[in-house]
Amino acid sequence: MALTLETLLEGAPAYGVVDARDGVLLYGRPGHEAAFEALAAEVLDASGDDFEVILLTDAAERCDRLFVAPVGEPGPFDPR
């Protein structure tokens, strides 16, 4: 099954979803760090035509959050 923005919005035991301006923030849940890191790699690989992703790290430089934004929908700072 292909990873889509819609499936990411459902959340999972390894991560939660917070609505953010122009996208969503996915955050890793405590105790599921390895699963969240695997998800982050999968999301990064799947990004492109449907959505873009920015990896956010903690103080130890581990990915603990992902900002995911749909492609093609101009935000407030987009001059389109």
N, C-alpha and C. Protein backbone atom coordinates (compact mmCIF):
# COMPACT_ATOMS: atom_id res chain seq x y z
N MET A 1 0.84 -1.18 0.00
CA MET A 1 0.00 0.00 0.00
C MET A 1 0.89 1.25 0.00
N ALA A 2 0.54 2.19 -0.84
CA ALA A 2 1.32 3.42 -0.95
C ALA A 2 1.02 4.34 0.23
N LEU A 3 2.02 5.02 0.67
CA LEU A 3 1.88 5.98 1.75
C LEU A 3 1.32 7.27 1.18
N THR A 4 0.19 7.73 1.70
CA THR A 4 -0.43 8.97 1.23
C THR A 4 -0.61 9.92 2.39
N LEU A 5 -0.89 11.16 2.07
CA LEU A 5 -1.14 12.16 3.11
C LEU A 5 -2.36 11.76 3.94
N GLU A 6 -3.37 11.21 3.31
CA GLU A 6 -4.58 10.80 4.02
C GLU A 6 -4.29 9.71 5.06
N THR A 7 -3.43 8.75 4.70
CA THR A 7 -3.11 7.69 5.66
C THR A 7 -2.28 8.23 6.82
N LEU A 8 -1.41 9.20 6.54
CA LEU A 8 -0.61 9.80 7.61
C LEU A 8 -1.49 10.54 8.62
N LEU A 9 -2.56 11.17 8.12
CA LEU A 9 -3.43 11.95 9.00
C LEU A 9 -4.20 11.09 10.00
N GLU A 10 -4.27 9.80 9.76
CA GLU A 10 -4.98 8.90 10.66
C GLU A 10 -4.22 8.67 11.96
N GLY A 11 -2.91 8.89 11.97
CA GLY A 11 -2.11 8.64 13.17
C GLY A 11 -1.89 7.15 13.35
N ALA A 12 -1.15 6.80 14.38
CA ALA A 12 -0.81 5.40 14.67
C ALA A 12 -0.25 5.34 16.08
N PRO A 13 -0.05 4.13 16.62
CA PRO A 13 0.54 4.04 17.95
C PRO A 13 1.91 4.71 18.07
N ALA A 14 2.68 4.75 16.98
CA ALA A 14 4.03 5.32 17.01
C ALA A 14 4.05 6.84 16.92
N TYR A 15 2.95 7.46 16.46
CA TYR A 15 2.96 8.91 16.28
C TYR A 15 1.57 9.52 16.40
N GLY A 16 1.57 10.80 16.73
CA GLY A 16 0.34 11.57 16.77
C GLY A 16 0.39 12.65 15.70
N VAL A 17 -0.76 13.29 15.48
CA VAL A 17 -0.89 14.29 14.44
C VAL A 17 -1.46 15.57 15.04
N VAL A 18 -0.83 16.70 14.72
CA VAL A 18 -1.32 18.01 15.16
C VAL A 18 -1.51 18.87 13.92
N ASP A 19 -2.68 19.48 13.80
CA ASP A 19 -2.94 20.38 12.69
C ASP A 19 -2.05 21.61 12.85
N ALA A 20 -1.39 22.00 11.78
CA ALA A 20 -0.50 23.16 11.81
C ALA A 20 -0.81 24.03 10.60
N ARG A 21 -0.41 25.25 10.65
CA ARG A 21 -0.63 26.16 9.53
C ARG A 21 0.04 25.59 8.28
N ASP A 22 -0.72 25.45 7.22
CA ASP A 22 -0.24 24.98 5.92
C ASP A 22 0.17 23.51 5.90
N GLY A 23 -0.14 22.74 6.92
CA GLY A 23 0.21 21.33 6.92
C GLY A 23 -0.13 20.68 8.25
N VAL A 24 0.58 19.62 8.56
CA VAL A 24 0.40 18.91 9.82
C VAL A 24 1.76 18.59 10.41
N LEU A 25 1.79 18.43 11.71
CA LEU A 25 3.00 18.03 12.42
C LEU A 25 2.78 16.62 12.94
N LEU A 26 3.67 15.71 12.57
CA LEU A 26 3.65 14.35 13.09
C LEU A 26 4.72 14.29 14.17
N TYR A 27 4.36 13.77 15.33
CA TYR A 27 5.32 13.70 16.43
C TYR A 27 5.40 12.26 16.94
N GLY A 28 6.62 11.85 17.29
CA GLY A 28 6.83 10.51 17.81
C GLY A 28 6.34 10.38 19.24
N ARG A 29 5.74 9.24 19.52
CA ARG A 29 5.27 8.97 20.89
C ARG A 29 6.37 8.27 21.69
N PRO A 30 6.47 8.58 22.98
CA PRO A 30 7.49 7.93 23.82
C PRO A 30 7.36 6.41 23.77
N GLY A 31 8.50 5.76 23.69
CA GLY A 31 8.53 4.30 23.65
C GLY A 31 8.43 3.73 22.24
N HIS A 32 8.21 4.59 21.25
CA HIS A 32 8.07 4.14 19.86
C HIS A 32 9.10 4.82 18.95
N GLU A 33 10.25 5.14 19.50
CA GLU A 33 11.25 5.91 18.76
C GLU A 33 11.71 5.20 17.49
N ALA A 34 11.99 3.91 17.57
CA ALA A 34 12.46 3.17 16.38
C ALA A 34 11.38 3.13 15.30
N ALA A 35 10.14 2.91 15.70
CA ALA A 35 9.04 2.88 14.72
C ALA A 35 8.85 4.25 14.09
N PHE A 36 9.00 5.32 14.87
CA PHE A 36 8.83 6.66 14.31
C PHE A 36 9.97 6.99 13.34
N GLU A 37 11.18 6.60 13.68
CA GLU A 37 12.31 6.84 12.77
C GLU A 37 12.11 6.08 11.46
N ALA A 38 11.58 4.86 11.53
CA ALA A 38 11.29 4.09 10.31
C ALA A 38 10.20 4.78 9.49
N LEU A 39 9.18 5.30 10.18
CA LEU A 39 8.13 6.04 9.50
C LEU A 39 8.69 7.29 8.84
N ALA A 40 9.56 8.01 9.53
CA ALA A 40 10.16 9.23 8.98
C ALA A 40 10.90 8.92 7.68
N ALA A 41 11.64 7.83 7.64
CA ALA A 41 12.36 7.45 6.42
C ALA A 41 11.37 7.13 5.30
N GLU A 42 10.30 6.43 5.64
CA GLU A 42 9.28 6.09 4.64
C GLU A 42 8.57 7.33 4.11
N VAL A 43 8.25 8.26 5.01
CA VAL A 43 7.58 9.50 4.60
C VAL A 43 8.51 10.33 3.71
N LEU A 44 9.76 10.40 4.07
CA LEU A 44 10.72 11.15 3.26
C LEU A 44 10.83 10.55 1.86
N ASP A 45 10.87 9.23 1.76
CA ASP A 45 10.94 8.56 0.46
C ASP A 45 9.67 8.79 -0.36
N ALA A 46 8.51 8.86 0.30
CA ALA A 46 7.24 8.99 -0.39
C ALA A 46 6.90 10.43 -0.77
N SER A 47 7.61 11.39 -0.21
CA SER A 47 7.30 12.79 -0.50
C SER A 47 7.62 13.11 -1.96
N GLY A 48 6.93 14.11 -2.47
CA GLY A 48 7.17 14.50 -3.86
C GLY A 48 5.97 15.18 -4.47
N ASP A 49 5.19 14.45 -5.25
CA ASP A 49 4.07 15.04 -5.98
C ASP A 49 2.89 15.43 -5.10
N ASP A 50 2.61 14.65 -4.05
CA ASP A 50 1.45 14.91 -3.20
C ASP A 50 1.75 15.76 -1.98
N PHE A 51 2.92 15.55 -1.38
CA PHE A 51 3.27 16.30 -0.18
C PHE A 51 4.78 16.45 -0.05
N GLU A 52 5.16 17.47 0.72
CA GLU A 52 6.56 17.71 1.04
C GLU A 52 6.74 17.51 2.53
N VAL A 53 7.96 17.20 2.96
CA VAL A 53 8.21 16.94 4.37
C VAL A 53 9.49 17.64 4.82
N ILE A 54 9.46 18.12 6.06
CA ILE A 54 10.64 18.70 6.70
C ILE A 54 10.87 17.91 7.98
N LEU A 55 12.06 17.33 8.11
CA LEU A 55 12.41 16.59 9.32
C LEU A 55 12.85 17.57 10.39
N LEU A 56 12.34 17.42 11.59
CA LEU A 56 12.72 18.25 12.73
C LEU A 56 13.37 17.35 13.77
N THR A 57 14.45 17.84 14.38
CA THR A 57 15.22 16.99 15.30
C THR A 57 15.21 17.55 16.72
N ASP A 58 15.52 16.66 17.65
CA ASP A 58 15.64 17.06 19.05
C ASP A 58 17.09 17.49 19.32
N ALA A 59 17.42 17.74 20.56
CA ALA A 59 18.76 18.21 20.93
C ALA A 59 19.85 17.19 20.59
N ALA A 60 19.49 15.91 20.57
CA ALA A 60 20.45 14.86 20.24
C ALA A 60 20.50 14.57 18.74
N GLU A 61 19.86 15.44 17.94
CA GLU A 61 19.83 15.32 16.48
C GLU A 61 19.09 14.08 15.99
N ARG A 62 18.13 13.57 16.77
CA ARG A 62 17.26 12.48 16.33
C ARG A 62 15.97 13.08 15.81
N CYS A 63 15.46 12.52 14.73
CA CYS A 63 14.20 13.00 14.17
C CYS A 63 13.07 12.64 15.15
N ASP A 64 12.39 13.67 15.67
CA ASP A 64 11.28 13.41 16.59
C ASP A 64 9.98 14.05 16.12
N ARG A 65 10.06 14.82 15.01
CA ARG A 65 8.87 15.45 14.45
C ARG A 65 9.05 15.57 12.94
N LEU A 66 7.92 15.57 12.25
CA LEU A 66 7.91 15.79 10.80
C LEU A 66 6.86 16.84 10.50
N PHE A 67 7.21 17.83 9.71
CA PHE A 67 6.21 18.77 9.21
C PHE A 67 5.88 18.32 7.80
N VAL A 68 4.60 18.05 7.55
CA VAL A 68 4.15 17.55 6.26
C VAL A 68 3.16 18.55 5.68
N ALA A 69 3.40 18.98 4.44
CA ALA A 69 2.53 19.96 3.79
C ALA A 69 2.14 19.46 2.41
N PRO A 70 0.86 19.63 2.06
CA PRO A 70 0.43 19.23 0.72
C PRO A 70 1.08 20.10 -0.35
N VAL A 71 1.37 19.52 -1.48
CA VAL A 71 1.96 20.24 -2.61
C VAL A 71 0.83 20.84 -3.44
N GLY A 72 1.08 22.03 -3.96
CA GLY A 72 0.11 22.63 -4.86
C GLY A 72 -0.92 23.50 -4.21
N GLU A 73 -0.91 23.60 -2.90
CA GLU A 73 -1.83 24.48 -2.19
C GLU A 73 -1.03 25.64 -1.63
N PRO A 74 -1.14 26.82 -2.25
CA PRO A 74 -0.33 27.95 -1.78
C PRO A 74 -0.67 28.35 -0.35
N GLY A 75 0.36 28.60 0.42
CA GLY A 75 0.18 29.06 1.79
C GLY A 75 0.20 30.57 1.86
N PRO A 76 0.13 31.14 3.05
CA PRO A 76 0.06 32.59 3.18
C PRO A 76 1.33 33.31 2.74
N PHE A 77 2.44 32.62 2.68
CA PHE A 77 3.69 33.24 2.29
C PHE A 77 4.08 32.90 0.86
N ASP A 78 3.25 32.12 0.19
CA ASP A 78 3.52 31.70 -1.18
C ASP A 78 2.97 32.77 -2.14
N PRO A 79 3.81 33.32 -3.01
CA PRO A 79 3.38 34.42 -3.86
C PRO A 79 2.48 34.02 -5.03
N ARG A 80 2.17 32.70 -5.19
CA ARG A 80 1.34 32.29 -6.34
C ARG A 80 0.01 32.93 -6.33
